[in-house]
C-alpha atoms as a PDB file:
ATOM      1  CA  MET A   1     112.058 -13.521 158.934  1.00  0.00           C
ATOM      2  CA  LYS A   2     110.538 -15.648 158.318  1.00  0.00           C
ATOM      3  CA  ASP A   3     108.644 -17.967 160.310  1.00  0.00           C
ATOM      4  CA  TYR A   4     109.955 -21.068 161.792  1.00  0.00           C
ATOM      5  CA  LEU A   5     110.559 -23.200 164.928  1.00  0.00           C
ATOM      6  CA  VAL A   6     113.110 -24.120 166.900  1.00  0.00           C
ATOM      7  CA  LYS A   7     113.376 -26.988 169.460  1.00  0.00           C
ATOM      8  CA  ALA A   8     115.947 -26.715 172.486  1.00  0.00           C
ATOM      9  CA  LEU A   9     117.196 -28.410 175.434  1.00  0.00           C
ATOM     10  CA  ALA A  10     118.055 -26.037 178.384  1.00  0.00           C
ATOM     11  CA  PHE A  11     120.243 -27.057 181.571  1.00  0.00           C
ATOM     12  CA  ASP A  12     121.994 -29.661 180.362  1.00  0.00           C
ATOM     13  CA  GLY A  13     118.845 -31.052 179.243  1.00  0.00           C
ATOM     14  CA  SER A  14     116.390 -29.936 182.904  1.00  0.00           C
ATOM     15  CA  ILE A  15     114.757 -28.270 180.038  1.00  0.00           C
ATOM     16  CA  ARG A  16     112.756 -28.934 177.319  1.00  0.00           C
ATOM     17  CA  ALA A  17     111.764 -25.923 174.474  1.00  0.00           C
ATOM     18  CA  TYR A  18     110.131 -25.021 172.170  1.00  0.00           C
ATOM     19  CA  ALA A  19     110.056 -21.305 170.556  1.00  0.00           C
ATOM     20  CA  VAL A  20     108.762 -20.607 166.971  1.00  0.00           C
ATOM     21  CA  CYS A  21     107.960 -17.107 164.859  1.00  0.00           C
ATOM     22  CA  THR A  22     104.423 -16.909 163.193  1.00  0.00           C
ATOM     23  CA  THR A  23     104.191 -13.530 161.536  1.00  0.00           C
ATOM     24  CA  GLU A  24     104.218 -14.629 158.318  1.00  0.00           C
ATOM     25  CA  THR A  25     101.316 -18.050 159.365  1.00  0.00           C
ATOM     26  CA  VAL A  26      99.008 -15.497 161.015  1.00  0.00           C
ATOM     27  CA  SER A  27      98.739 -13.016 158.280  1.00  0.00           C
ATOM     28  CA  GLU A  28      97.870 -16.268 155.785  1.00  0.00           C
ATOM     29  CA  ALA A  29      94.878 -16.845 158.291  1.00  0.00           C
ATOM     30  CA  GLN A  30      94.010 -13.483 158.921  1.00  0.00           C
ATOM     31  CA  ARG A  31      93.837 -13.269 154.956  1.00  0.00           C
ATOM     32  CA  ARG A  32      91.720 -15.752 154.423  1.00  0.00           C
ATOM     33  CA  HIS A  33      89.295 -15.154 156.951  1.00  0.00           C
ATOM     34  CA  GLN A  34      89.712 -11.412 157.062  1.00  0.00           C
ATOM     35  CA  THR A  35      89.656 -11.645 160.598  1.00  0.00           C
ATOM     36  CA  TRP A  36      89.185  -8.866 162.941  1.00  0.00           C
ATOM     37  CA  ARG A  37      91.991  -7.685 165.965  1.00  0.00           C
ATOM     38  CA  THR A  38      90.887  -9.430 168.471  1.00  0.00           C
ATOM     39  CA  ALA A  39      89.245 -12.598 166.247  1.00  0.00           C
ATOM     40  CA  SER A  40      93.127 -12.595 164.990  1.00  0.00           C
ATOM     41  CA  ALA A  41      95.156 -12.484 168.110  1.00  0.00           C
ATOM     42  CA  ALA A  42      92.906 -15.822 169.728  1.00  0.00           C
ATOM     43  CA  LEU A  43      93.074 -17.374 166.226  1.00  0.00           C
ATOM     44  CA  GLY A  44      96.870 -16.462 166.273  1.00  0.00           C
ATOM     45  CA  ARG A  45      97.766 -16.758 169.539  1.00  0.00           C
ATOM     46  CA  THR A  46      96.092 -20.704 168.950  1.00  0.00           C
ATOM     47  CA  MET A  47      97.980 -21.714 165.753  1.00  0.00           C
ATOM     48  CA  THR A  48     100.833 -20.745 167.278  1.00  0.00           C
ATOM     49  CA  ALA A  49     100.511 -22.849 170.700  1.00  0.00           C
ATOM     50  CA  GLY A  50      99.209 -25.595 168.424  1.00  0.00           C
ATOM     51  CA  VAL A  51     101.634 -25.506 165.767  1.00  0.00           C
ATOM     52  CA  MET A  52     104.379 -25.652 168.652  1.00  0.00           C
ATOM     53  CA  MET A  53     102.589 -29.161 170.166  1.00  0.00           C
ATOM     54  CA  GLY A  54     102.356 -30.729 166.464  1.00  0.00           C
ATOM     55  CA  ALA A  55     106.595 -30.099 166.594  1.00  0.00           C
ATOM     56  CA  MET A  56     106.278 -32.864 169.939  1.00  0.00           C
ATOM     57  CA  LEU A  57     104.990 -35.615 167.320  1.00  0.00           C
ATOM     58  CA  LYS A  58     106.273 -37.745 164.925  1.00  0.00           C
ATOM     59  CA  GLY A  59     106.735 -38.886 161.443  1.00  0.00           C
ATOM     60  CA  ASP A  60     102.663 -38.253 160.403  1.00  0.00           C
ATOM     61  CA  ASP A  61     101.204 -37.702 163.627  1.00  0.00           C
ATOM     62  CA  LYS A  62      98.780 -35.005 163.655  1.00  0.00           C
ATOM     63  CA  LEU A  63      96.780 -32.858 166.710  1.00  0.00           C
ATOM     64  CA  THR A  64      93.758 -30.953 166.790  1.00  0.00           C
ATOM     65  CA  VAL A  65      93.117 -27.868 169.539  1.00  0.00           C
ATOM     66  CA  LYS A  66      89.526 -26.213 169.903  1.00  0.00           C
ATOM     67  CA  ILE A  67      88.892 -24.391 172.651  1.00  0.00           C
ATOM     68  CA  ASN A  68      85.038 -22.997 173.313  1.00  0.00           C
ATOM     69  CA  GLY A  69      84.497 -21.035 176.197  1.00  0.00           C
ATOM     70  CA  GLY A  70      81.663 -19.175 175.470  1.00  0.00           C
ATOM     71  CA  GLY A  71      82.578 -15.701 174.066  1.00  0.00           C
ATOM     72  CA  PRO A  72      81.375 -14.050 170.834  1.00  0.00           C
ATOM     73  CA  LEU A  73      84.075 -15.443 169.527  1.00  0.00           C
ATOM     74  CA  GLY A  74      82.590 -18.938 169.331  1.00  0.00           C
ATOM     75  CA  ALA A  75      84.603 -22.244 169.201  1.00  0.00           C
ATOM     76  CA  ILE A  76      88.447 -21.999 168.195  1.00  0.00           C
ATOM     77  CA  ILE A  77      89.580 -25.270 165.529  1.00  0.00           C
ATOM     78  CA  VAL A  78      93.479 -25.476 164.937  1.00  0.00           C
ATOM     79  CA  ASP A  79      94.995 -28.620 163.929  1.00  0.00           C
ATOM     80  CA  SER A  80      98.803 -29.229 163.234  1.00  0.00           C
ATOM     81  CA  ASN A  81     101.351 -31.792 162.189  1.00  0.00           C
ATOM     82  CA  ALA A  82     105.136 -32.527 163.078  1.00  0.00           C
ATOM     83  CA  LYS A  83     106.282 -30.699 159.821  1.00  0.00           C
ATOM     84  CA  GLY A  84     105.183 -27.460 160.974  1.00  0.00           C
ATOM     85  CA  GLU A  85     102.357 -27.014 159.119  1.00  0.00           C
ATOM     86  CA  VAL A  86      98.727 -26.049 160.563  1.00  0.00           C
ATOM     87  CA  ARG A  87      95.125 -24.318 159.652  1.00  0.00           C
ATOM     88  CA  GLY A  88      92.808 -22.801 161.324  1.00  0.00           C
ATOM     89  CA  TYR A  89      89.562 -20.571 161.642  1.00  0.00           C
ATOM     90  CA  VAL A  90      87.471 -19.435 164.473  1.00  0.00           C
ATOM     91  CA  GLY A  91      83.652 -19.225 164.482  1.00  0.00           C
ATOM     92  CA  ASN A  92      83.041 -15.444 164.440  1.00  0.00           C
ATOM     93  CA  PRO A  93      86.087 -13.868 162.600  1.00  0.00           C
ATOM     94  CA  GLN A  94      84.484 -10.302 163.057  1.00  0.00           C
ATOM     95  CA  VAL A  95      85.090  -9.995 166.767  1.00  0.00           C
ATOM     96  CA  ASP A  96      87.008  -6.883 168.499  1.00  0.00           C
ATOM     97  CA  PHE A  97      86.823  -5.092 171.262  1.00  0.00           C
ATOM     98  CA  GLU A  98      88.147  -2.081 173.123  1.00  0.00           C
ATOM     99  CA  HIS A  99      91.265  -2.651 174.880  1.00  0.00           C
ATOM    100  CA  ASN A 100      91.588  -4.248 178.000  1.00  0.00           C
ATOM    101  CA  GLU A 101      92.346  -2.270 180.759  1.00  0.00           C
ATOM    102  CA  HIS A 102      96.028  -3.170 180.582  1.00  0.00           C
ATOM    103  CA  GLY A 103      95.858  -1.817 177.524  1.00  0.00           C
ATOM    104  CA  LYS A 104      96.108  -4.983 175.347  1.00  0.00           C
ATOM    105  CA  LEU A 105      93.763  -6.764 173.375  1.00  0.00           C
ATOM    106  CA  ASP A 106      90.482  -7.674 175.024  1.00  0.00           C
ATOM    107  CA  VAL A 107      91.073 -11.748 174.110  1.00  0.00           C
ATOM    108  CA  ARG A 108      89.092 -13.139 177.198  1.00  0.00           C
ATOM    109  CA  ARG A 109      86.082 -11.625 176.287  1.00  0.00           C
ATOM    110  CA  ALA A 110      86.555 -12.851 172.995  1.00  0.00           C
ATOM    111  CA  VAL A 111      87.167 -15.920 174.239  1.00  0.00           C
ATOM    112  CA  GLY A 112      85.208 -16.055 177.244  1.00  0.00           C
ATOM    113  CA  THR A 113      85.907 -18.457 180.044  1.00  0.00           C
ATOM    114  CA  ASP A 114      83.101 -21.087 180.575  1.00  0.00           C
ATOM    115  CA  GLY A 115      83.837 -24.008 178.562  1.00  0.00           C
ATOM    116  CA  LEU A 116      86.742 -25.997 177.071  1.00  0.00           C
ATOM    117  CA  LEU A 117      90.220 -26.540 176.362  1.00  0.00           C
ATOM    118  CA  ALA A 118      90.491 -29.868 174.130  1.00  0.00           C
ATOM    119  CA  VAL A 119      93.699 -31.869 172.390  1.00  0.00           C
ATOM    120  CA  VAL A 120      93.183 -34.667 170.462  1.00  0.00           C
ATOM    121  CA  LYS A 121      95.522 -36.450 168.680  1.00  0.00           C
ATOM    122  CA  ASP A 122      96.033 -39.120 166.037  1.00  0.00           C
ATOM    123  CA  ILE A 123      99.518 -40.807 166.664  1.00  0.00           C
ATOM    124  CA  GLY A 124      99.101 -43.587 164.154  1.00  0.00           C
ATOM    125  CA  LEU A 125      96.680 -45.946 166.634  1.00  0.00           C
ATOM    126  CA  ARG A 126      92.879 -47.139 166.052  1.00  0.00           C
ATOM    127  CA  ASP A 127      92.103 -44.939 169.116  1.00  0.00           C
ATOM    128  CA  PHE A 128      92.937 -41.346 169.581  1.00  0.00           C
ATOM    129  CA  PHE A 129      94.353 -39.839 172.783  1.00  0.00           C
ATOM    130  CA  SER A 130      92.592 -36.541 173.681  1.00  0.00           C
ATOM    131  CA  GLY A 131      92.201 -34.901 177.034  1.00  0.00           C
ATOM    132  CA  GLN A 132      90.311 -31.349 178.063  1.00  0.00           C
ATOM    133  CA  VAL A 133      90.887 -29.238 180.547  1.00  0.00           C
ATOM    134  CA  PRO A 134      88.247 -26.065 181.746  1.00  0.00           C
ATOM    135  CA  ILE A 135      89.167 -22.841 180.321  1.00  0.00           C
ATOM    136  CA  VAL A 136      91.266 -20.564 183.593  1.00  0.00           C
ATOM    137  CA  SER A 137      92.151 -17.379 182.051  1.00  0.00           C
ATOM    138  CA  GLY A 138      90.674 -16.612 178.161  1.00  0.00           C
ATOM    139  CA  GLU A 139      93.571 -14.713 177.564  1.00  0.00           C
ATOM    140  CA  LEU A 140      95.222 -19.033 176.392  1.00  0.00           C
ATOM    141  CA  GLY A 141      98.710 -18.782 176.885  1.00  0.00           C
ATOM    142  CA  GLU A 142      97.629 -19.873 180.682  1.00  0.00           C
ATOM    143  CA  ASP A 143      94.808 -21.604 179.486  1.00  0.00           C
ATOM    144  CA  PHE A 144      97.334 -23.978 177.641  1.00  0.00           C
ATOM    145  CA  THR A 145     100.108 -23.687 180.385  1.00  0.00           C
ATOM    146  CA  TYR A 146      97.034 -25.470 182.893  1.00  0.00           C
ATOM    147  CA  TYR A 147      96.142 -28.148 179.576  1.00  0.00           C
ATOM    148  CA  PHE A 148      99.927 -29.031 179.783  1.00  0.00           C
ATOM    149  CA  ALA A 149     100.355 -29.791 184.121  1.00  0.00           C
ATOM    150  CA  VAL A 150      96.593 -31.068 184.147  1.00  0.00           C
ATOM    151  CA  SER A 151      95.931 -33.188 180.826  1.00  0.00           C
ATOM    152  CA  GLU A 152      99.408 -33.644 180.309  1.00  0.00           C
ATOM    153  CA  GLN A 153     100.925 -34.540 183.529  1.00  0.00           C
ATOM    154  CA  THR A 154     103.660 -31.958 182.411  1.00  0.00           C
ATOM    155  CA  PRO A 155     105.218 -28.681 184.573  1.00  0.00           C
ATOM    156  CA  SER A 156     105.305 -26.104 181.841  1.00  0.00           C
ATOM    157  CA  SER A 157     105.121 -22.574 180.730  1.00  0.00           C
ATOM    158  CA  VAL A 158     103.494 -21.120 177.202  1.00  0.00           C
ATOM    159  CA  GLY A 159     103.738 -17.591 176.111  1.00  0.00           C
ATOM    160  CA  VAL A 160     101.943 -16.715 172.631  1.00  0.00           C
ATOM    161  CA  GLY A 161     101.478 -13.398 171.751  1.00  0.00           C
ATOM    162  CA  VAL A 162     100.029 -11.184 168.880  1.00  0.00           C
ATOM    163  CA  LEU A 163     100.056  -7.677 167.590  1.00  0.00           C
ATOM    164  CA  VAL A 164      97.802  -6.609 164.883  1.00  0.00           C
ATOM    165  CA  ASN A 165      97.942  -3.113 163.259  1.00  0.00           C
ATOM    166  CA  PRO A 166      95.267  -0.632 162.574  1.00  0.00           C
ATOM    167  CA  ASP A 167      94.134  -1.739 159.686  1.00  0.00           C
ATOM    168  CA  ASP A 168      93.506  -5.715 160.995  1.00  0.00           C
ATOM    169  CA  THR A 169      97.356  -6.746 159.468  1.00  0.00           C
ATOM    170  CA  ILE A 170      99.485  -8.679 161.333  1.00  0.00           C
ATOM    171  CA  LEU A 171     102.829  -7.094 162.568  1.00  0.00           C
ATOM    172  CA  ALA A 172     104.330  -9.720 164.990  1.00  0.00           C
ATOM    173  CA  ALA A 173     103.641 -13.145 165.671  1.00  0.00           C
ATOM    174  CA  GLY A 174     105.262 -16.154 167.747  1.00  0.00           C
ATOM    175  CA  GLY A 175     105.508 -17.710 171.076  1.00  0.00           C
ATOM    176  CA  PHE A 176     107.307 -19.813 173.001  1.00  0.00           C
ATOM    177  CA  ILE A 177     106.729 -23.858 175.466  1.00  0.00           C
ATOM    178  CA  LEU A 178     108.826 -24.582 178.384  1.00  0.00           C
ATOM    179  CA  GLN A 179     108.646 -28.114 179.879  1.00  0.00           C
ATOM    180  CA  ILE A 180     110.678 -28.622 183.199  1.00  0.00           C
ATOM    181  CA  MET A 181     111.408 -32.394 183.345  1.00  0.00           C
ATOM    182  CA  PRO A 182     111.640 -34.851 185.943  1.00  0.00           C
ATOM    183  CA  GLY A 183     114.077 -34.204 188.494  1.00  0.00           C
ATOM    184  CA  THR A 184     115.047 -30.650 187.321  1.00  0.00           C
ATOM    185  CA  ASP A 185     116.992 -29.390 190.768  1.00  0.00           C
ATOM    186  CA  ASP A 186     114.569 -26.913 192.519  1.00  0.00           C
ATOM    187  CA  GLU A 187     117.172 -23.787 192.106  1.00  0.00           C
ATOM    188  CA  VAL A 188     116.822 -24.086 188.264  1.00  0.00           C
ATOM    189  CA  ILE A 189     113.025 -23.626 188.136  1.00  0.00           C
ATOM    190  CA  THR A 190     113.916 -21.083 190.453  1.00  0.00           C
ATOM    191  CA  LYS A 191     115.733 -18.832 187.965  1.00  0.00           C
ATOM    192  CA  LEU A 192     112.968 -19.887 185.170  1.00  0.00           C
ATOM    193  CA  GLU A 193     110.487 -18.620 187.501  1.00  0.00           C
ATOM    194  CA  GLU A 194     112.396 -15.583 187.796  1.00  0.00           C
ATOM    195  CA  ARG A 195     112.826 -14.805 184.152  1.00  0.00           C
ATOM    196  CA  LEU A 196     109.840 -15.978 183.343  1.00  0.00           C
ATOM    197  CA  ASN A 197     108.093 -12.710 185.722  1.00  0.00           C
ATOM    198  CA  THR A 198     110.047 -10.294 184.198  1.00  0.00           C
ATOM    199  CA  ILE A 199     111.065 -10.597 180.316  1.00  0.00           C
ATOM    200  CA  PRO A 200     108.743  -9.028 177.681  1.00  0.00           C
ATOM    201  CA  PRO A 201     105.903 -10.272 176.541  1.00  0.00           C
ATOM    202  CA  VAL A 202     106.913 -12.361 173.723  1.00  0.00           C
ATOM    203  CA  SER A 203     104.793 -10.815 170.453  1.00  0.00           C
ATOM    204  CA  LYS A 204     107.055  -7.715 171.779  1.00  0.00           C
ATOM    205  CA  LEU A 205     110.207  -9.453 171.558  1.00  0.00           C
ATOM    206  CA  ILE A 206     109.315 -10.382 168.190  1.00  0.00           C
ATOM    207  CA  GLU A 207     108.752  -6.907 167.070  1.00  0.00           C
ATOM    208  CA  GLN A 208     111.625  -6.091 168.442  1.00  0.00           C
ATOM    209  CA  GLY A 209     113.761  -8.519 165.681  1.00  0.00           C
ATOM    210  CA  LEU A 210     114.361 -11.565 167.866  1.00  0.00           C
ATOM    211  CA  SER A 211     115.094 -14.506 166.822  1.00  0.00           C
ATOM    212  CA  PRO A 212     113.183 -17.854 168.185  1.00  0.00           C
ATOM    213  CA  GLU A 213     116.560 -18.951 169.308  1.00  0.00           C
ATOM    214  CA  GLN A 214     117.702 -15.465 170.665  1.00  0.00           C
ATOM    215  CA  ILE A 215     114.192 -15.523 172.349  1.00  0.00           C
ATOM    216  CA  LEU A 216     115.302 -18.477 174.709  1.00  0.00           C
ATOM    217  CA  GLU A 217     117.861 -17.174 174.719  1.00  0.00           C
ATOM    218  CA  ARG A 218     117.072 -14.114 176.721  1.00  0.00           C
ATOM    219  CA  LEU A 219     114.962 -16.490 178.915  1.00  0.00           C
ATOM    220  CA  PHE A 220     117.786 -18.780 179.854  1.00  0.00           C
ATOM    221  CA  ASP A 221     121.154 -17.329 178.494  1.00  0.00           C
ATOM    222  CA  LYS A 222     123.017 -18.237 176.608  1.00  0.00           C
ATOM    223  CA  GLU A 223     125.556 -20.757 177.029  1.00  0.00           C
ATOM    224  CA  ASN A 224     122.365 -22.903 179.239  1.00  0.00           C
ATOM    225  CA  VAL A 225     121.386 -23.717 175.674  1.00  0.00           C
ATOM    226  CA  LYS A 226     121.279 -26.186 173.089  1.00  0.00           C
ATOM    227  CA  ILE A 227     119.708 -25.900 169.602  1.00  0.00           C
ATOM    228  CA  ILE A 228     118.348 -29.634 168.786  1.00  0.00           C
ATOM    229  CA  GLU A 229     117.040 -28.594 165.429  1.00  0.00           C
ATOM    230  CA  THR A 230     115.133 -26.368 163.349  1.00  0.00           C
ATOM    231  CA  MET A 231     111.865 -26.595 161.110  1.00  0.00           C
ATOM    232  CA  PRO A 232     110.103 -24.017 159.015  1.00  0.00           C
ATOM    233  CA  VAL A 233     106.148 -22.962 160.068  1.00  0.00           C
ATOM    234  CA  HIS A 234     103.509 -22.493 157.750  1.00  0.00           C
ATOM    235  CA  PHE A 235     100.016 -22.088 157.018  1.00  0.00           C
ATOM    236  CA  GLN A 236      98.995 -25.664 154.739  1.00  0.00           C
ATOM    237  CA  CYS A 237      95.187 -27.179 154.341  1.00  0.00           C
ATOM    238  CA  THR A 238      94.963 -30.353 153.753  1.00  0.00           C
ATOM    239  CA  CYS A 239      91.638 -29.707 151.391  1.00  0.00           C
ATOM    240  CA  SER A 240      90.894 -29.994 147.784  1.00  0.00           C
ATOM    241  CA  LYS A 241      88.876 -30.641 145.176  1.00  0.00           C
ATOM    242  CA  GLU A 242      88.885 -34.117 144.641  1.00  0.00           C
ATOM    243  CA  ARG A 243      88.917 -34.806 148.713  1.00  0.00           C
ATOM    244  CA  PHE A 244      85.834 -32.535 148.321  1.00  0.00           C
ATOM    245  CA  ALA A 245      84.589 -34.622 145.160  1.00  0.00           C
ATOM    246  CA  ASP A 246      85.075 -38.281 147.244  1.00  0.00           C
ATOM    247  CA  ALA A 247      82.676 -36.318 150.244  1.00  0.00           C
ATOM    248  CA  ILE A 248      79.691 -35.906 147.542  1.00  0.00           C
ATOM    249  CA  ILE A 249      80.122 -39.945 145.966  1.00  0.00           C
ATOM    250  CA  GLY A 250      80.089 -40.706 149.582  1.00  0.00           C
ATOM    251  CA  LEU A 251      76.705 -39.212 149.825  1.00  0.00           C
ATOM    252  CA  GLY A 252      75.191 -41.682 147.270  1.00  0.00           C
ATOM    253  CA  ALA A 253      73.245 -40.895 144.184  1.00  0.00           C
ATOM    254  CA  SER A 254      70.170 -39.914 145.444  1.00  0.00           C
ATOM    255  CA  GLU A 255      71.600 -37.229 147.260  1.00  0.00           C
ATOM    256  CA  ILE A 256      74.066 -36.328 144.000  1.00  0.00           C
ATOM    257  CA  THR A 257      70.505 -35.813 141.495  1.00  0.00           C
ATOM    258  CA  ALA A 258      69.036 -33.643 144.605  1.00  0.00           C
ATOM    259  CA  MET A 259      71.660 -31.053 144.235  1.00  0.00           C
ATOM    260  CA  ILE A 260      71.262 -31.263 140.118  1.00  0.00           C
ATOM    261  CA  GLU A 261      67.674 -30.889 140.554  1.00  0.00           C
ATOM    262  CA  GLU A 262      67.284 -27.884 143.074  1.00  0.00           C
ATOM    263  CA  ASP A 263      70.838 -25.801 141.783  1.00  0.00           C
ATOM    264  CA  GLY A 264      72.115 -27.200 138.534  1.00  0.00           C
ATOM    265  CA  GLN A 265      75.049 -27.259 140.713  1.00  0.00           C
ATOM    266  CA  ALA A 266      77.325 -27.339 143.381  1.00  0.00           C
ATOM    267  CA  GLU A 267      79.351 -24.831 145.819  1.00  0.00           C
ATOM    268  CA  ALA A 268      81.653 -27.010 149.244  1.00  0.00           C
ATOM    269  CA  HIS A 269      83.378 -24.097 151.024  1.00  0.00           C
ATOM    270  CA  CYS A 270      86.286 -25.224 153.735  1.00  0.00           C
ATOM    271  CA  HIS A 271      86.089 -23.773 156.663  1.00  0.00           C
ATOM    272  CA  PHE A 272      90.269 -24.247 157.342  1.00  0.00           C
ATOM    273  CA  CYS A 273      91.209 -22.153 154.500  1.00  0.00           C
ATOM    274  CA  ASN A 274      87.762 -19.866 153.503  1.00  0.00           C
ATOM    275  CA  GLU A 275      89.326 -21.574 149.697  1.00  0.00           C
ATOM    276  CA  LYS A 276      85.726 -22.319 147.853  1.00  0.00           C
ATOM    277  CA  TYR A 277      84.692 -25.112 145.040  1.00  0.00           C
ATOM    278  CA  LEU A 278      82.317 -25.446 142.590  1.00  0.00           C
ATOM    279  CA  PHE A 279      81.068 -28.502 140.930  1.00  0.00           C
ATOM    280  CA  THR A 280      78.895 -27.606 137.739  1.00  0.00           C
ATOM    281  CA  LYS A 281      76.500 -30.225 136.570  1.00  0.00           C
ATOM    282  CA  GLU A 282      78.089 -32.119 134.028  1.00  0.00           C
ATOM    283  CA  GLU A 283      80.455 -32.901 137.121  1.00  0.00           C
ATOM    284  CA  LEU A 284      77.821 -33.839 139.905  1.00  0.00           C
ATOM    285  CA  GLU A 285      76.404 -36.236 136.822  1.00  0.00           C
ATOM    286  CA  GLU A 286      79.961 -37.574 136.666  1.00  0.00           C
ATOM    287  CA  LEU A 287      80.286 -37.796 140.224  1.00  0.00           C
ATOM    288  CA  LYS A 288      76.464 -39.478 139.984  1.00  0.00           C
ATOM    289  CA  GLN A 289      78.172 -42.119 137.990  1.00  0.00           C
ATOM    290  CA  GLN A 290      80.724 -42.986 140.614  1.00  0.00           C
ATOM    291  CA  ALA A 291      78.374 -43.212 143.291  1.00  0.00           C
ATOM    292  CA  LYS A 292      75.540 -45.730 141.079  1.00  0.00           C
END
């Protein structure tokens, strides 16, 4: 199944819903960063939530999610936008532990629970919108749920999951975000709570071959769901050699001269996608002239 996201309404618009399959997207991040199992689960869950949050934006708007719970994983950084593009990395990709007491990857231990989940939105205005909340779980789904409730004042349920193969490759990844609109009947909320308590983890649903639409149908029943839009999702980095060249020019001629004299070349590394760009002595000389 190709990765894609659906936007939907349920119960006559009482609930706004997003569901997504991110298996290939998380696989690309795992391949680029060579993340171990627990790190893959943490990064994949954050990217899955991040791409759904990006889908809530419009036009060229974009956002950044930063999670740092003080655990051995370090910070998780994810960028996404309104076009289904997402990228991300973790401070320490080689983190893995034995399964927790529930037989699952111990994401809480990797992430930690002493820190913050922060979201910064660039919506084309002079000032960015930013919100942050304490990490309450470390499992991340609950933390994003808490973020929506506290920072955006929107009662929500966030389910994100990643299944990892023994060889560290990604078996399945995806998630959903359900948001209750103002004025929703208590009966609808009760039905949703009951269903959330009985439905299998979202990664299991994707492993079983359920599409994002079918996941929402499991949550609400088919007759209660209206699909509004579908959009492809993929790992996409905005880095390029040209952008790094502009950054080198911005350092100034004297700094570029030092690079040439000390190393005879320069290598730029993108944290988000792990690409490396080599600048030869001749290229640096040209950039130095532009800096002047």
